[in-house]
Protein backbone atom coordinates (compact mmCIF):
# COMPACT_ATOMS: atom_id res chain seq x y z
CA UNK A 1 -0.01 16.63 -16.61
CA UNK A 2 -1.94 16.10 -13.35
CA UNK A 3 -1.94 12.84 -11.34
CA UNK A 4 -4.64 10.26 -12.13
CA UNK A 5 -6.95 9.77 -9.33
CA UNK A 6 -7.51 6.11 -8.49
CA UNK A 7 -9.36 4.53 -5.58
CA UNK A 8 -8.85 0.76 -5.76
CA UNK A 9 -8.96 -1.38 -2.72
CA UNK A 10 -5.50 -1.67 -1.22
CA UNK A 11 -5.93 -4.61 1.18
CA UNK A 12 -3.23 -6.83 -0.18
CA UNK A 13 -0.06 -6.19 -2.20
CA UNK A 14 1.52 -9.37 -3.74
CA UNK A 15 5.23 -9.33 -4.58
CA UNK A 16 6.42 -11.46 -7.50
CA UNK A 17 10.05 -11.68 -8.47
CA UNK A 18 10.95 -10.01 -11.71
CA UNK A 19 13.13 -13.10 -12.42
CA UNK A 20 10.23 -15.44 -12.30
CA UNK A 21 8.03 -14.40 -15.20
CA UNK A 22 6.33 -17.88 -15.04
CA UNK A 23 4.73 -16.51 -11.81
CA UNK A 24 3.44 -13.33 -13.27
CA UNK A 25 0.25 -14.65 -14.58
CA UNK A 26 -0.76 -16.57 -11.30
CA UNK A 27 0.08 -13.38 -9.27
CA UNK A 28 -2.27 -11.29 -11.35
CA UNK A 29 -5.06 -13.85 -10.90
CA UNK A 30 -4.43 -14.49 -7.19
CA UNK A 31 -7.16 -12.02 -6.02
CA UNK A 32 -4.48 -9.51 -4.74
CA UNK A 33 -5.70 -5.83 -5.00
CA UNK A 34 -2.16 -4.82 -6.14
CA UNK A 35 0.51 -7.10 -7.71
CA UNK A 36 4.11 -5.73 -7.62
CA UNK A 37 6.93 -6.98 -9.81
CA UNK A 38 10.04 -6.77 -7.68
CA UNK A 39 13.32 -5.52 -9.07
CA UNK A 40 14.77 -5.01 -5.62
CA UNK A 41 15.28 -7.50 -2.71
CA UNK A 42 14.44 -10.68 -4.78
CA UNK A 43 17.06 -9.86 -7.46
CA UNK A 44 20.79 -10.52 -7.01
CA UNK A 45 22.93 -7.76 -7.91
CA UNK A 46 24.45 -9.48 -10.92
CA UNK A 47 20.99 -10.08 -12.50
CA UNK A 48 19.59 -6.52 -12.04
CA UNK A 49 19.82 -5.69 -15.78
CA UNK A 50 18.24 -9.04 -16.74
CA UNK A 51 15.37 -8.52 -14.21
CA UNK A 52 14.79 -4.98 -15.66
CA UNK A 53 14.61 -6.30 -19.24
CA UNK A 54 12.13 -9.16 -18.29
CA UNK A 55 9.87 -6.64 -16.47
CA UNK A 56 9.82 -4.17 -19.37
CA UNK A 57 9.04 -6.86 -21.92
CA UNK A 58 6.08 -8.01 -19.81
CA UNK A 59 4.81 -4.58 -19.16
CA UNK A 60 4.83 -3.71 -22.79
CA UNK A 61 2.07 -6.08 -23.30
CA UNK A 62 -1.43 -4.73 -22.71
CA UNK A 63 -3.66 -7.16 -20.94
CA UNK A 64 -7.27 -7.22 -19.58
CA UNK A 65 -7.53 -5.37 -16.19
CA UNK A 66 -7.69 -7.95 -13.45
CA UNK A 67 -5.83 -6.08 -10.71
CA UNK A 68 -3.59 -3.02 -10.31
CA UNK A 69 0.05 -3.66 -11.38
CA UNK A 70 2.89 -1.96 -9.70
CA UNK A 71 6.75 -2.25 -9.99
CA UNK A 72 9.23 -1.95 -7.07
CA UNK A 73 12.40 -0.41 -8.36
CA UNK A 74 15.73 -0.25 -6.44
CA UNK A 75 16.32 2.85 -4.35
CA UNK A 76 16.42 5.76 -6.75
CA UNK A 77 19.50 6.94 -4.69
CA UNK A 78 21.32 4.03 -6.25
CA UNK A 79 22.67 3.57 -9.85
CA UNK A 80 20.34 0.53 -10.44
CA UNK A 81 17.43 2.40 -9.07
CA UNK A 82 17.93 5.14 -11.44
CA UNK A 83 18.39 2.81 -14.34
CA UNK A 84 15.10 1.12 -13.26
CA UNK A 85 13.23 4.49 -13.06
CA UNK A 86 14.38 5.94 -16.51
CA UNK A 87 13.95 2.68 -18.31
CA UNK A 88 10.30 2.24 -17.10
CA UNK A 89 9.35 5.80 -17.70
CA UNK A 90 10.94 5.91 -21.21
CA UNK A 91 9.40 2.59 -22.54
CA UNK A 92 5.71 3.29 -22.35
CA UNK A 93 4.82 0.37 -20.00
CA UNK A 94 1.36 -0.76 -18.97
CA UNK A 95 1.39 -0.23 -15.15
CA UNK A 96 -0.41 1.74 -12.50
CA UNK A 97 2.35 2.63 -10.03
CA UNK A 98 5.81 2.47 -8.57
CA UNK A 99 6.89 1.18 -5.20
CA UNK A 100 9.85 3.06 -4.01
CA UNK A 101 11.93 1.40 -1.38
CA UNK A 102 13.82 3.09 1.48
CA UNK A 103 12.41 6.54 1.01
CA UNK A 104 14.22 8.86 3.19
CA UNK A 105 12.64 12.42 2.39
CA UNK A 106 9.68 14.20 0.70
CA UNK A 107 12.18 15.70 -1.73
CA UNK A 108 13.05 12.32 -3.06
CA UNK A 109 9.39 11.71 -3.93
CA UNK A 110 9.05 15.25 -5.41
CA UNK A 111 11.68 14.76 -7.95
CA UNK A 112 10.39 11.26 -8.87
CA UNK A 113 7.07 13.07 -9.47
CA UNK A 114 8.64 15.56 -11.75
CA UNK A 115 10.20 12.76 -13.79
CA UNK A 116 6.88 11.06 -14.18
CA UNK A 117 5.18 14.31 -15.18
CA UNK A 118 7.58 14.43 -18.21
CA UNK A 119 7.00 10.79 -19.22
CA UNK A 120 4.32 9.40 -21.51
CA UNK A 121 2.79 7.39 -18.63
CA UNK A 122 0.98 8.32 -15.43
CA UNK A 123 1.92 6.46 -12.35
CA UNK A 124 0.91 6.32 -8.65
CA UNK A 125 3.77 6.29 -6.17
CA UNK A 126 3.79 4.07 -3.03
CA UNK A 127 6.75 4.86 -0.81
CA UNK A 128 8.04 2.40 1.66
CA UNK A 129 9.27 3.68 4.96
CA UNK A 130 11.84 1.26 6.25
CA UNK A 131 14.73 3.33 7.80
CA UNK A 132 14.98 5.63 10.88
CA UNK A 133 15.55 8.54 8.58
CA UNK A 134 12.44 7.73 6.68
CA UNK A 135 10.36 7.39 9.76
CA UNK A 136 11.77 10.75 10.85
CA UNK A 137 10.40 12.33 7.61
CA UNK A 138 7.25 10.39 7.17
CA UNK A 139 5.00 13.43 7.54
CA UNK A 140 6.97 15.18 4.67
CA UNK A 141 6.81 12.05 2.58
CA UNK A 142 3.09 11.74 3.09
CA UNK A 143 2.56 15.36 1.81
CA UNK A 144 5.11 15.35 -0.94
CA UNK A 145 3.10 14.62 -3.96
CA UNK A 146 -0.57 14.02 -4.96
CA UNK A 147 0.73 10.86 -6.75
CA UNK A 148 1.35 9.19 -3.22
CA UNK A 149 -1.82 7.16 -2.56
CA UNK A 150 -0.51 4.80 0.08
CA UNK A 151 2.41 4.61 2.42
CA UNK A 152 3.94 1.18 3.33
CA UNK A 153 6.00 0.15 6.47
CA UNK A 154 8.94 -2.20 5.62
CA UNK A 155 9.53 -3.21 9.24
CA UNK A 156 12.14 -5.92 8.39
CA UNK A 157 14.60 -3.53 7.17
CA UNK A 158 13.64 -0.96 9.82
CA UNK A 159 14.25 -3.45 12.55
CA UNK A 160 17.66 -4.38 11.02
CA UNK A 161 18.71 -0.85 10.99
CA UNK A 162 17.37 0.32 14.49
CA UNK A 163 18.26 -2.96 16.27
CA UNK A 164 14.81 -3.77 17.53
CA UNK A 165 13.20 -7.06 17.21
CA UNK A 166 10.10 -7.92 15.11
CA UNK A 167 7.64 -8.08 18.06
CA UNK A 168 4.49 -6.07 18.26
CA UNK A 169 5.69 -3.80 21.07
CA UNK A 170 8.97 -3.04 19.37
CA UNK A 171 7.29 -1.97 16.22
CA UNK A 172 4.22 -0.30 17.60
CA UNK A 173 5.65 3.31 17.68
CA UNK A 174 6.81 3.16 14.06
CA UNK A 175 3.38 1.78 12.93
CA UNK A 176 1.48 4.33 14.87
CA UNK A 177 3.57 7.14 13.46
CA UNK A 178 3.02 6.00 9.91
CA UNK A 179 -0.72 5.68 10.52
CA UNK A 180 -0.82 9.26 11.92
CA UNK A 181 1.09 10.75 9.01
CA UNK A 182 -0.96 9.05 6.50
CA UNK A 183 -4.12 10.21 8.15
CA UNK A 184 -3.20 13.75 7.69
CA UNK A 185 -3.57 13.25 3.97
CA UNK A 186 -6.23 10.57 3.99
CA UNK A 187 -3.76 7.99 2.52
CA UNK A 188 -3.95 4.31 2.81
CA UNK A 189 -1.36 2.38 4.65
CA UNK A 190 0.28 -0.92 3.96
CA UNK A 191 1.96 -3.11 6.61
CA UNK A 192 4.97 -5.24 5.80
CA UNK A 193 4.61 -8.98 4.92
CA UNK A 194 4.10 -11.88 7.33
CA UNK A 195 7.35 -13.86 6.78
CA UNK A 196 6.21 -17.35 7.92
CA UNK A 197 4.35 -18.96 4.86
CA UNK A 198 3.15 -21.94 6.98
CA UNK A 199 1.84 -19.98 9.87
CA UNK A 200 -1.68 -18.92 8.77
CA UNK A 201 -2.87 -18.36 12.28
CA UNK A 202 0.00 -15.95 12.92
CA UNK A 203 -0.76 -14.06 9.59
CA UNK A 204 -4.38 -13.79 10.45
CA UNK A 205 -3.66 -12.57 14.06
CA UNK A 206 -1.18 -9.85 12.83
CA UNK A 207 -3.32 -8.69 9.95
CA UNK A 208 -6.31 -8.21 12.22
CA UNK A 209 -4.20 -6.40 14.72
CA UNK A 210 -2.61 -4.01 12.30
CA UNK A 211 -6.10 -3.46 10.81
CA UNK A 212 -7.35 -2.43 14.30
CA UNK A 213 -4.40 0.00 14.52
CA UNK A 214 -5.65 1.79 11.33
CA UNK A 215 -3.73 0.05 8.54
CA UNK A 216 -5.76 -0.54 5.26
CA UNK A 217 -3.68 -3.45 3.87
CA UNK A 218 -0.60 -5.66 4.20
CA UNK A 219 2.06 -6.84 1.79
CA UNK A 220 2.13 -10.44 0.78
CA UNK A 221 4.99 -12.85 -0.36
CA UNK A 222 2.84 -15.79 -1.44
CA UNK A 223 -0.52 -16.08 -3.29
CA UNK A 224 -1.79 -18.21 -0.38
CA UNK A 225 -1.65 -15.27 1.92
CA UNK A 226 -3.88 -13.02 -0.27
CA UNK A 227 -7.26 -14.19 0.68
CA UNK A 228 -6.54 -13.96 4.42
CA UNK A 229 -5.43 -10.30 3.95
CA UNK A 230 -8.46 -9.38 1.96
CA UNK A 231 -10.69 -10.77 4.65
CA UNK A 232 -8.76 -9.05 7.43
CA UNK A 233 -8.93 -5.64 5.78
CA UNK A 234 -12.52 -5.81 4.52
CA UNK A 235 -15.30 -4.38 6.76
CA UNK A 236 -17.74 -7.10 8.10
CA UNK A 237 -21.28 -7.02 7.13
CA UNK A 238 -22.34 -6.09 10.53
CA UNK A 239 -19.83 -3.12 10.80
CA UNK A 240 -21.13 -1.93 7.39
CA UNK A 241 -24.67 -1.97 8.53
CA UNK A 242 -23.94 -0.17 11.73
CA UNK A 243 -21.99 2.49 9.93
CA UNK A 244 -25.01 3.03 7.65
CA UNK A 245 -27.17 3.43 10.68
CA UNK A 246 -24.74 5.92 12.23
CA UNK A 247 -24.57 8.08 9.05
CA UNK A 248 -28.40 7.94 8.54
CA UNK A 249 -28.98 9.07 12.08
CA UNK A 250 -26.36 11.80 11.92
CA UNK A 251 -28.25 13.40 9.03
CA UNK A 252 -31.21 14.16 11.55
CA UNK A 253 -28.85 15.30 14.35
CA UNK A 254 -28.08 18.71 12.74
CA UNK A 255 -24.42 18.41 13.75
CA UNK A 256 -25.19 17.58 17.40
CA UNK A 257 -24.03 14.57 19.43
CA UNK A 258 -26.78 11.90 19.80
CA UNK A 259 -27.50 8.58 21.24
CA UNK A 260 -27.77 5.39 19.17
CA UNK A 261 -28.46 2.03 20.99
CA UNK A 262 -27.69 3.74 24.19
CA UNK A 263 -24.14 4.91 23.14
CA UNK A 264 -22.96 8.31 22.50
CA UNK A 265 -22.30 9.22 18.86
CA UNK A 266 -20.37 12.40 18.15
CA UNK A 267 -18.19 13.63 15.37
CA UNK A 268 -15.33 11.14 15.61
CA UNK A 269 -17.78 8.28 15.58
CA UNK A 270 -19.43 9.64 12.50
CA UNK A 271 -16.16 10.13 10.81
CA UNK A 272 -15.24 6.53 11.48
CA UNK A 273 -18.56 5.32 10.10
CA UNK A 274 -18.06 7.26 6.95
CA UNK A 275 -14.50 5.59 6.57
CA UNK A 276 -15.97 2.10 6.97
CA UNK A 277 -18.56 2.91 4.15
CA UNK A 278 -15.83 4.34 1.90
CA UNK A 279 -13.79 1.22 2.28
CA UNK A 280 -16.89 -0.94 1.73
CA UNK A 281 -17.67 1.01 -1.47
CA UNK A 282 -14.25 0.55 -2.85
CA UNK A 283 -14.55 -3.12 -2.27
CA UNK A 284 -17.83 -3.28 -4.06
CA UNK A 285 -19.82 -4.12 -0.82
CA UNK A 286 -22.48 -1.33 -1.06
CA UNK A 287 -25.60 -1.29 -3.17
């Protein structure tokens, strides 16, 4: 069974705790591009089994497609993670993908892919790089499976392990390496969540900053953050129009560099313009 190719927008991924099924419907209608039911960090160890059962009951119910639905399991290198993975694959759930925390190698993603291939459902895989080992293996993780459509950066766990703080400069190397690894496979990239729910200004500033670095989206821990993230990672109308002009002019240049509005346009600029238009198309912004 081959992987299903999906190209939804991936500007925002909203986590909802598995133990809070009363929040599921609100999350699904929050406007988030991806909603992720969380079996990992938000669930105490003593309630892992209960959270798994609640999630499976919910995912057995088909519903109208309002957004893409993912599940974050516990690390598959743990007993609870294996239980999560096998239970979800054996149940025939209605979901689009799995979020895999603390991924440390490409081999880990390959054997998860093999398990998915033998199951009755087809799922995308979204690995979270949040350890020094994971960052060291990020290129292998990016190329490990066609089911990997996006790579996320869990900078809170990364900072805790490495001893760095959560400032921009301290995390810049890790973010840049993840962007570069994802670019080799033309994958999307998702930055970690902004942790201060009341600081909208800080959320907007960081979202715009990581967007300028090359990230295509960011995780959210509250529905109130979603609209800000969708705005930050959606190309502006002016950038879309400029990209259209660059692409149209490039068709007449026969592969040569040319000048547009007094500025040199060469292959990298044309590539960037095509990327802007691809993102705009995925977000329904092109005619």
